[in-house]
Protein backbone atom coordinates (compact mmCIF):
# COMPACT_ATOMS: atom_id res chain seq x y z
CA ILE A 1 2.54 -6.11 -15.72
CA VAL A 2 3.36 -9.22 -17.76
CA LEU A 3 6.63 -7.68 -18.92
CA LEU A 4 7.31 -6.56 -15.37
CA LEU A 5 6.87 -10.09 -14.05
CA LEU A 6 8.96 -11.90 -16.63
CA ALA A 7 12.18 -11.71 -18.64
CA LEU A 8 13.30 -14.36 -21.07
CA ALA A 9 17.02 -14.08 -20.33
CA GLU A 10 18.54 -15.84 -17.33
CA PRO A 11 21.69 -13.90 -16.29
CA ALA A 12 24.28 -15.07 -13.79
CA ARG A 13 22.95 -15.79 -10.32
CA PRO A 14 23.51 -12.76 -8.04
CA SER A 15 24.86 -12.90 -4.50
CA PRO A 16 22.34 -13.29 -1.61
CA ALA A 17 22.67 -9.58 -0.78
CA GLY A 18 22.18 -8.67 -4.41
CA LEU A 19 19.15 -10.95 -4.71
CA GLU A 20 17.56 -9.38 -1.62
CA SER A 21 18.13 -5.92 -3.07
CA GLN A 22 16.58 -6.99 -6.36
CA ARG A 23 13.62 -8.54 -4.53
CA ALA A 24 12.98 -5.32 -2.60
CA GLU A 25 13.17 -3.25 -5.79
CA ALA A 26 10.92 -5.69 -7.65
CA LEU A 27 8.27 -5.65 -4.90
CA LYS A 28 8.41 -1.85 -4.82
CA ARG A 29 7.70 -1.73 -8.53
CA LEU A 30 4.92 -4.30 -8.21
CA LEU A 31 3.30 -2.14 -5.51
CA GLU A 32 3.42 0.78 -7.95
CA VAL A 33 1.46 -1.33 -10.42
CA PHE A 34 -1.17 -1.74 -7.68
CA GLY A 35 -1.14 2.01 -7.00
CA MET A 36 0.52 1.77 -3.56
CA GLU A 37 3.72 3.09 -2.02
CA ASP A 38 3.83 0.56 0.82
CA PRO A 39 1.85 -2.62 1.50
CA PRO A 40 -0.96 -2.11 4.05
CA ALA A 41 -0.32 -3.58 7.49
CA PRO A 42 -2.35 -6.77 8.09
CA PRO A 43 -5.21 -6.38 10.62
CA ALA A 44 -4.01 -6.68 14.22
CA HIS A 45 -6.68 -9.30 14.92
CA PHE A 46 -8.60 -11.65 12.65
CA LYS A 47 -11.34 -9.73 10.87
CA GLN A 48 -14.18 -11.09 8.79
CA PRO A 49 -14.71 -8.95 5.67
CA PRO A 50 -18.27 -7.67 5.14
CA GLN A 51 -20.30 -10.28 3.28
CA TYR A 52 -21.48 -7.62 0.86
CA MET A 53 -17.88 -7.02 -0.27
CA VAL A 54 -17.18 -10.76 -0.59
CA ASP A 55 -20.37 -11.23 -2.64
CA LEU A 56 -19.47 -8.25 -4.83
CA PHE A 57 -16.00 -9.69 -5.50
CA ASN A 58 -17.53 -13.04 -6.46
CA THR A 59 -19.98 -11.28 -8.80
CA VAL A 60 -17.29 -9.21 -10.51
CA ALA A 61 -14.46 -11.78 -10.67
CA ASN A 62 -13.74 -15.48 -10.85
CA ALA A 63 -11.76 -17.34 -8.17
CA ASP A 64 -8.44 -16.11 -9.66
CA GLY A 65 -9.60 -12.49 -9.55
CA VAL A 66 -9.96 -12.16 -13.34
CA THR A 67 -12.86 -9.88 -14.29
CA LYS A 68 -15.94 -11.74 -15.54
CA ASN A 69 -17.67 -8.69 -17.01
CA PRO A 70 -15.86 -5.34 -17.20
CA ASP A 71 -19.16 -3.43 -17.25
CA ILE A 72 -20.42 -4.53 -13.82
CA LEU A 73 -18.57 -1.80 -11.88
CA GLU A 74 -19.12 1.83 -12.78
CA GLY A 75 -15.64 2.79 -11.56
CA ASN A 76 -12.59 0.76 -10.57
CA THR A 77 -12.75 1.00 -6.76
CA VAL A 78 -15.30 0.04 -4.10
CA ARG A 79 -14.52 0.96 -0.48
CA SER A 80 -16.40 -0.14 2.64
CA PHE A 81 -16.33 1.70 5.99
CA LEU A 82 -17.79 0.53 9.30
CA ASP A 83 -19.50 2.90 11.73
CA ARG A 84 -17.15 4.40 14.33
CA THR A 85 -19.76 5.64 16.84
CA HIS A 86 -21.20 2.27 17.98
CA SER A 87 -24.13 4.21 19.44
CA GLU A 88 -27.75 3.19 19.93
CA ASP A 89 -29.35 6.55 19.03
CA MET A 90 -29.20 6.11 15.22
CA ARG A 91 -26.17 8.37 14.81
CA PHE A 92 -23.43 7.10 12.49
CA LEU A 93 -19.91 8.30 11.72
CA PHE A 94 -17.63 6.98 8.98
CA VAL A 95 -13.99 8.06 8.71
CA LEU A 96 -13.07 8.52 5.04
CA SER A 97 -9.41 9.53 5.39
CA SER A 98 -8.25 6.63 3.20
CA VAL A 99 -10.05 8.02 0.13
CA ALA A 100 -7.38 9.49 -2.17
CA LYS A 101 -7.71 13.07 -3.44
CA ASN A 102 -7.64 11.87 -7.06
CA GLU A 103 -10.59 9.51 -6.61
CA LYS A 104 -13.80 10.61 -8.28
CA ILE A 105 -16.82 9.96 -6.07
CA LEU A 106 -19.45 8.14 -8.13
CA THR A 107 -21.97 6.70 -5.65
CA ALA A 108 -22.15 6.41 -1.87
CA GLU A 109 -24.56 4.14 -0.01
CA LEU A 110 -25.51 3.67 3.64
CA HIS A 111 -26.20 -0.01 4.40
CA LEU A 112 -28.28 -0.69 7.52
CA PHE A 113 -29.47 -4.09 8.71
CA ARG A 114 -33.17 -3.99 9.65
CA LEU A 115 -33.91 -6.12 12.71
CA TRP A 116 -37.21 -7.91 13.25
CA PRO A 117 -39.70 -5.24 14.42
CA ARG A 118 -40.86 -4.93 17.98
CA VAL A 119 -44.26 -6.43 18.73
CA THR A 120 -46.75 -3.64 19.34
CA ASP A 121 -50.16 -3.89 20.97
CA GLY A 122 -53.40 -2.11 20.17
CA PRO A 123 -55.34 -1.11 17.06
CA LYS A 124 -52.65 1.31 15.75
CA ARG A 125 -50.24 -1.35 14.67
CA HIS A 126 -48.38 -0.15 11.54
CA HIS A 127 -47.30 -2.20 8.54
CA PHE A 128 -44.87 0.45 7.31
CA CYS A 129 -42.82 3.24 8.79
CA GLN A 130 -40.90 6.13 7.26
CA VAL A 131 -37.11 6.02 7.52
CA SER A 132 -35.21 9.25 6.87
CA VAL A 133 -31.46 9.71 6.57
CA TYR A 134 -29.94 13.13 7.33
CA GLN A 135 -26.50 14.62 6.90
CA VAL A 136 -25.59 16.22 10.24
CA LEU A 137 -24.49 19.82 9.71
CA GLU A 138 -24.18 20.91 13.35
CA LYS A 139 -23.07 18.20 15.74
CA ASP A 140 -24.57 19.81 18.86
CA LYS A 141 -28.07 20.31 17.46
CA PRO A 142 -28.77 17.66 14.82
CA ASP A 143 -32.50 17.69 15.61
CA SER A 144 -32.96 21.34 14.62
CA PRO A 145 -33.94 22.21 11.01
CA GLU A 146 -30.66 24.06 10.39
CA GLY A 147 -28.60 21.29 12.00
CA LYS A 148 -29.33 18.61 9.40
CA LYS A 149 -29.98 18.08 5.68
CA LEU A 150 -32.29 15.37 4.30
CA LEU A 151 -30.50 12.88 2.04
CA ALA A 152 -33.04 10.08 1.61
CA ALA A 153 -36.48 9.03 2.90
CA ARG A 154 -38.82 6.15 2.11
CA LEU A 155 -41.36 3.75 3.55
CA VAL A 156 -39.96 0.51 4.97
CA SER A 157 -41.96 -2.63 5.67
CA LEU A 158 -42.31 -3.81 9.27
CA GLN A 159 -42.98 -7.39 8.19
CA THR A 160 -39.43 -8.54 7.45
CA SER A 161 -35.77 -8.11 8.36
CA GLY A 162 -32.77 -7.56 6.11
CA TRP A 163 -30.55 -4.91 4.57
CA GLU A 164 -31.78 -1.44 3.63
CA VAL A 165 -29.64 0.74 1.33
CA PHE A 166 -29.88 4.54 1.17
CA ALA A 167 -28.09 6.82 -1.31
CA ILE A 168 -25.98 9.43 0.48
CA THR A 169 -23.65 10.60 -2.32
CA PRO A 170 -23.98 14.41 -1.74
CA ALA A 171 -22.87 14.07 1.89
CA VAL A 172 -19.80 12.00 1.04
CA ARG A 173 -18.77 14.46 -1.68
CA ASP A 174 -18.95 17.23 0.93
CA TRP A 175 -16.87 15.21 3.40
CA THR A 176 -14.13 14.33 0.89
CA LYS A 177 -13.80 18.00 -0.10
CA ASP A 178 -13.67 19.16 3.53
CA GLU A 179 -12.90 16.46 6.08
CA SER A 180 -13.85 18.72 9.01
CA SER A 181 -17.44 18.94 7.71
CA ASN A 182 -17.99 15.24 8.44
CA GLN A 183 -20.35 15.33 11.44
CA GLY A 184 -21.91 12.01 10.58
CA LEU A 185 -25.41 10.84 9.73
CA LEU A 186 -28.70 10.79 11.65
CA VAL A 187 -31.45 8.25 10.93
CA THR A 188 -35.03 8.74 12.14
CA VAL A 189 -38.02 6.37 12.17
CA GLN A 190 -41.55 7.83 12.01
CA GLY A 191 -45.08 6.79 11.11
CA PRO A 192 -46.11 6.70 7.42
CA GLY A 193 -47.30 10.30 7.60
CA GLY A 194 -44.30 11.55 9.56
CA SER A 195 -45.99 11.09 12.95
CA PRO A 196 -43.74 10.26 15.92
CA LEU A 197 -43.52 6.65 17.09
CA ASP A 198 -42.49 6.01 20.67
CA PRO A 199 -40.93 3.57 20.94
CA PRO A 200 -40.21 3.17 17.21
CA PRO A 201 -41.26 -0.32 16.03
CA LEU A 202 -38.26 -0.53 13.70
CA GLN A 203 -34.64 -0.90 14.79
CA PHE A 204 -31.40 -1.19 12.88
CA ALA A 205 -28.42 -3.23 14.03
CA SER A 206 -25.77 -1.10 15.72
CA GLY A 207 -22.03 -1.48 15.63
CA ARG A 208 -21.92 -2.27 19.34
CA ASP A 209 -24.37 -5.02 20.24
CA HIS A 210 -24.80 -6.97 17.04
CA HIS A 211 -22.86 -9.46 14.98
CA GLU A 212 -20.00 -8.22 12.79
CA SER A 213 -21.95 -9.20 9.67
CA LYS A 214 -24.82 -6.82 10.54
CA LYS A 215 -22.85 -3.67 11.41
CA PRO A 216 -23.78 -0.36 9.76
CA MET A 217 -21.64 0.22 6.71
CA LEU A 218 -20.91 2.94 4.17
CA VAL A 219 -20.13 1.63 0.67
CA LEU A 220 -18.34 4.02 -1.67
CA PHE A 221 -17.93 3.55 -5.44
CA THR A 222 -15.09 5.61 -6.92
CA ASP A 223 -12.71 5.80 -9.86
CA ASP A 224 -9.04 6.81 -9.49
CA GLY A 225 -8.53 7.42 -13.21
CA ARG A 226 -5.92 4.67 -13.64
CA ARG A 227 -6.31 2.90 -16.97
CA GLY A 228 -3.87 0.23 -18.11
CA ALA A 229 -0.17 -0.21 -17.49
CA SER A 230 1.88 2.99 -17.25
CA LEU A 231 5.18 1.75 -15.84
CA PRO A 232 8.46 1.40 -17.74
CA THR A 233 9.86 -2.13 -17.74
CA GLY A 234 13.54 -1.23 -17.48
CA GLY A 235 15.54 0.18 -14.64
CA PHE A 236 15.83 -2.84 -12.35
CA PRO A 237 19.21 -3.57 -10.82
CA GLY A 238 20.53 -6.56 -12.75
CA GLY A 239 18.06 -6.20 -15.62
CA SER A 240 14.33 -6.61 -16.19
CA GLY A 241 14.32 -10.31 -15.30
CA VAL A 242 14.35 -9.69 -11.54
CA LEU A 243 10.72 -10.49 -10.88
CA ALA A 244 10.77 -13.68 -12.90
CA ARG A 245 13.80 -15.00 -11.00
CA LEU A 246 12.22 -14.55 -7.58
CA PRO A 247 10.71 -17.67 -6.00
CA TRP A 248 7.11 -16.43 -6.04
CA SER A 249 6.86 -16.18 -9.82
CA ARG A 250 6.87 -19.52 -11.66
CA SER A 251 7.03 -19.85 -15.42
CA THR A 252 7.92 -22.57 -17.89
CA ARG A 253 11.57 -22.06 -18.90
CA SER A 254 12.28 -25.36 -20.62
CA LEU A 255 10.50 -24.28 -23.81
CA GLY A 256 12.66 -24.08 -26.88
CA ARG A 257 13.11 -20.62 -28.36
CA LEU A 258 12.07 -21.89 -31.79
CA ARG A 259 8.57 -22.95 -30.78
CA PRO A 260 5.87 -20.77 -32.37
CA CYS A 261 4.43 -17.81 -30.49
CA GLN A 262 1.94 -18.93 -27.85
CA ARG A 263 0.71 -18.23 -24.32
CA HIS A 264 2.34 -19.92 -21.30
CA PRO A 265 1.51 -19.91 -17.55
CA LEU A 266 2.99 -17.30 -15.20
CA SER A 267 1.76 -17.83 -11.64
CA VAL A 268 1.82 -14.97 -9.11
CA ASP A 269 1.39 -16.23 -5.53
CA PHE A 270 0.59 -13.49 -3.00
CA GLU A 271 1.47 -15.74 -0.07
CA GLU A 272 4.97 -16.33 -1.38
CA ILE A 273 5.35 -12.59 -1.99
CA GLY A 274 4.38 -11.97 1.65
CA TRP A 275 1.11 -10.15 0.92
CA SER A 276 -1.41 -12.76 2.11
CA GLY A 277 -1.88 -10.93 5.43
CA TRP A 278 -3.77 -8.04 3.81
CA ILE A 279 -5.06 -9.49 0.54
CA ILE A 280 -8.33 -11.34 1.12
CA SER A 281 -8.93 -12.60 -2.43
CA PRO A 282 -7.56 -13.99 -4.63
CA ARG A 283 -4.64 -15.91 -3.10
CA GLY A 284 -2.83 -15.48 -6.40
CA TYR A 285 -3.50 -15.40 -10.12
CA ASN A 286 -2.13 -16.57 -13.47
CA ALA A 287 -0.75 -13.57 -15.37
CA PHE A 288 0.37 -15.73 -18.34
CA HIS A 289 3.18 -14.64 -20.68
CA CYS A 290 3.90 -14.82 -24.38
CA LYS A 291 6.87 -16.73 -25.72
CA GLY A 292 7.98 -18.20 -29.02
CA SER A 293 9.18 -17.33 -32.48
CA CYS A 294 7.41 -15.46 -35.25
CA PRO A 295 8.94 -17.10 -38.36
CA PHE A 296 8.16 -16.32 -41.97
CA PRO A 297 5.53 -16.85 -43.27
CA LEU A 298 3.25 -15.73 -40.45
CA GLY A 299 0.07 -17.82 -40.32
CA ASP A 300 -3.33 -16.58 -39.13
CA ASN A 301 -2.89 -18.70 -35.98
CA MET A 302 -0.13 -16.28 -34.92
CA ARG A 303 -2.62 -13.39 -35.05
CA PRO A 304 -0.15 -11.09 -36.84
CA THR A 305 -0.76 -7.40 -37.46
CA ASN A 306 -0.29 -6.08 -40.99
CA HIS A 307 2.85 -4.31 -39.78
CA ALA A 308 4.24 -7.57 -38.38
CA THR A 309 3.55 -9.33 -41.71
CA VAL A 310 5.45 -6.65 -43.64
CA GLN A 311 8.32 -6.74 -41.13
CA SER A 312 8.49 -10.55 -41.41
CA ILE A 313 8.72 -10.35 -45.22
CA ILE A 314 11.46 -7.71 -45.14
CA ASN A 315 13.41 -9.76 -42.58
CA ALA A 316 13.06 -12.99 -44.58
CA LEU A 317 14.12 -11.40 -47.87
CA LYS A 318 16.96 -9.40 -46.23
CA LEU A 319 15.64 -6.24 -47.85
CA SER A 320 16.95 -4.02 -45.08
CA GLU A 321 19.70 -4.40 -42.51
CA GLY A 322 18.89 -4.56 -38.81
CA VAL A 323 15.24 -5.56 -39.24
CA THR A 324 14.45 -8.39 -36.84
CA THR A 325 11.55 -10.81 -36.85
CA PRO A 326 8.30 -9.65 -35.19
CA CYS A 327 7.93 -10.15 -31.44
CA CYS A 328 5.61 -12.52 -29.60
CA VAL A 329 3.58 -10.27 -27.29
CA PRO A 330 0.13 -10.14 -25.64
CA ASP A 331 -2.53 -8.91 -28.07
CA LYS A 332 -5.38 -9.10 -25.56
CA LEU A 333 -5.17 -8.16 -21.87
CA HIS A 334 -7.68 -8.75 -19.05
CA SER A 335 -8.14 -6.96 -15.73
CA ILE A 336 -7.97 -8.54 -12.29
CA ASN A 337 -9.66 -7.60 -9.01
CA LEU A 338 -8.20 -7.52 -5.50
CA LEU A 339 -10.22 -7.62 -2.28
CA TYR A 340 -8.00 -6.38 0.53
CA PHE A 341 -7.68 -4.55 3.87
CA ASP A 342 -6.30 -1.01 3.63
CA ASP A 343 -4.21 0.74 6.31
CA ASP A 344 -7.36 1.58 8.31
CA GLU A 345 -8.58 -2.05 8.14
CA ASN A 346 -11.39 -1.07 5.77
CA VAL A 347 -12.14 -3.61 3.04
CA VAL A 348 -11.51 -2.41 -0.53
CA LEU A 349 -12.33 -3.99 -3.89
CA LYS A 350 -10.12 -2.63 -6.66
CA GLN A 351 -9.95 -3.47 -10.35
CA TYR A 352 -6.64 -3.26 -12.23
CA ASP A 353 -6.49 -3.15 -16.03
CA ASP A 354 -4.08 -5.06 -18.29
CA MET A 355 -2.90 -7.61 -15.71
CA VAL A 356 -3.47 -10.91 -17.53
CA ALA A 357 -2.37 -11.87 -21.04
CA GLY A 358 -5.54 -13.18 -22.66
CA SER A 359 -3.91 -14.22 -25.93
CA CYS A 360 -0.61 -13.79 -27.80
CA GLY A 361 0.29 -12.70 -31.30
CA CYS A 362 3.18 -11.62 -33.52
CA HIS A 363 3.50 -7.84 -33.58
């Protein structure tokens, strides 16, 4: 990505039509880096992302999106889906059409917000109730034994309110294999021993009558198998410096070519690119780039490889024709994280490897 964003040469300025063509090609290639063919359409109306997804982003990444700890996420993608039924009878439906076929399903969770319990009278007041989550197998008879499959069940306190999370991974794996099998989920509330409660003392927030921040949500952890940069850097009309010459990428160009190899800023601003409508966080990030000479003798501060040291010696002593000095390149790369709306206005957290030059060396 660093090579894709920057070229050291500054060729002749193209015509406005040529620059627009280069910009379109550059943005297309940048989308490929982010695993997309086209940018998602911004939400039609202002939408507040689920607080869980915002908190997860802040746990995984710093304000610039750079990963704090690469081991926090099991995979590289977290998707959130809001309930589409908006019903009051504890039936939930999540449309998973945006999950790609190549994504490996790791964990799926149902997040329900537990409201303050109803006040009940009499000596049979319960302190706990049993909440069960079922995968609906037959839409028309979900209450029959053959019409549902138990996914999770546990006792829930009636003394507090807050989020409850239930593992529903087997159901989501079924749905992603066969989309037509997705008949939704059914949640039941019973007494501690499975006895019926009428009316049930426990209620969960629905998607219809409660605040956006409390809506039922499915959270899906996946991995799409992408690891590191896989794109060639050549092939741009007018050379590989297209991205660096566009207005949204700013680098320091006044540096002399003879300065020693070191890291320099390379700011990527999503608003200037035109992507701020669908990217929630970050607003941009510093990719950094490596620039400078690798003169003989190479000091330890230039972090040379053994191969670069040998190449530098051969170049300095003119022992072989056509051998150049080593190159100043990134020798450590960090991942970044994007929190964004997809085409279905679901909020996605995705981690991309090798997006920030952490340090530079002579190689």
